[in-house]
Amino acid sequence: MRISRIRGRDSPTSLLRRKALRYLSITMLLFMFACLHSVQTMPMYYDQEAVKLQDTTKPPLDAEPFIGATSTRRQQILSAQTVTASTPATTTLRLDWTNQLPQSPLAKRIQKHQTNCSLPLGNFKFRNRFGLGSDLHVWSQALCNAMHFGVRIRTVWDWLWMDQQSCQSIEGHNNTTKRAVGSPFQCYFPRAELQCPDDLQMVQNHPIFDEALFNISGGRRQGTVTWDCSSILSETGDETQGRFQFQEAGMEFLFGQISPHVVEEAKRQHSLVFGASPQTPKDLITVHIRWGDKKREMKLLKIQQYMNAIQQLLQERPRPEVNIFLATEDPEAVQQFQQRAPADWKIYIDQFYTELLPHRNDEYNGVPKAATALEGRMGTIALGSLLVALEANEFVITTESNWSRLLNELRKSIVDPSCHGCTKAMDL
């Protein structure tokens, strides 16, 4: 059939066909636009999973616990899912603190002594008045006495720094569960005490301090320990220096095998202090300021002295940015340090300070009193903070403080050997 044009106009048939094609084209464009819009909105669900698209017609896997759950339980499930969804990448600490074998001869000797099952147990009890750093050093003194008298140290209930929530039960010999009443020290240091097969029965028969057993505290059952181990200390040649060497070896022995829940606490704090990144800030400097009630025992250093020490480290080894981990429990120290620090310094505040602040007590031994009120939870937080502080390679400390001394002992005995001498400390 011939299609005619009259004066440049289409025939009715041609006009109808062109209108149909135009309508079809518009329909196709609308369909393509709708598809494009759908693809653009899909990643809202896809990106969150970052693995595969899910069938939205099916309930999510986490919906199953809601079946038969009370409203309170449902809220708990939702809260747990929210936390899981916002958890940052897994933090990796510089060391596996659960599995560090003793390196120094004295730490190896301590380990051998505490696992010598031919030796009887001896009692030790804390006074429950002082800080965690002080208690750990007093324990090392009692350990030295135990070695001198030929008994294995066993700490008895109770201890104000034992986290009663996290440490109700502990793993004992051959995976046998022992209550922490056997030794509250095993809350954090599971291989420090009670390492022999018969120890479980012994602690069940003597769950608390028993006068019938050997008293490592030299007759003073409340933990007032003096150095009574001349046979051990004399081997170093100088007894005074020997005390420091033994305490360092004692801390090396203790912290070589820390409870996993302490390591997890350190990772939690690391994420809160340094943000979502699992990496520790480069060239981190840990600064420990012990103020507060310590003024009764020592002359407190001024903030400028800490600043001068940091500047000396920066002059010796310049760096593009300055990262400071400020370890303290004193609000005045935090305020003065932040005021004096240059504006371009990045200052990370100790999580122990943050979580202690609502419970802070300005009285003498206020931190131990807060630990008692919080049922020992501050023990876990303090040890987690300590591991975070040890992520640094450089330290500004004052070893008149037990906590600074503990930092330095672990730096020298565990961290520095692991990185072939990469750390440095300035003791003020």
Foldseek 3Di string as FASTA:
>chain_A
DDWDDDPNDGDPVVVVVVVVVVVVVVVVVVVVVVVVVVVVPVVVQVVLVVPDDDDVVDDDPLCVVVVVDDPVVVVVSVVVVVCVSPAFPFADFPDDLQAADFDDPLLVVLLVLQQPVVAAEAEAEALLQADPLVVLLLVLLLSLLCVQVRHHYAYADDHLQQQCVQQQWDQAEPRDIAGCRRHSLCSWQVSRHRHDPCSRVVCVVVSGDDPVGHHSQVPDRSSPRDRDNCVQQCVVVDNVVSSLVSSLSSLSNRRSRTDVLLQVLLRVQCCVQVHSDSDDDPQEEEEEAEDFLCVVPDPGDDLVVVVVVVVVVCVVPPDPAAEYEYHYQDPVSVVVNVVPDDPRHHYTYQVLNVVCVVQADRDRSRVSVSSNVSRNPSSSSVSSSLSNSLSHQEYEEAVVDSSRSSSVSCCVRPVCVVVVRSHYYDHD
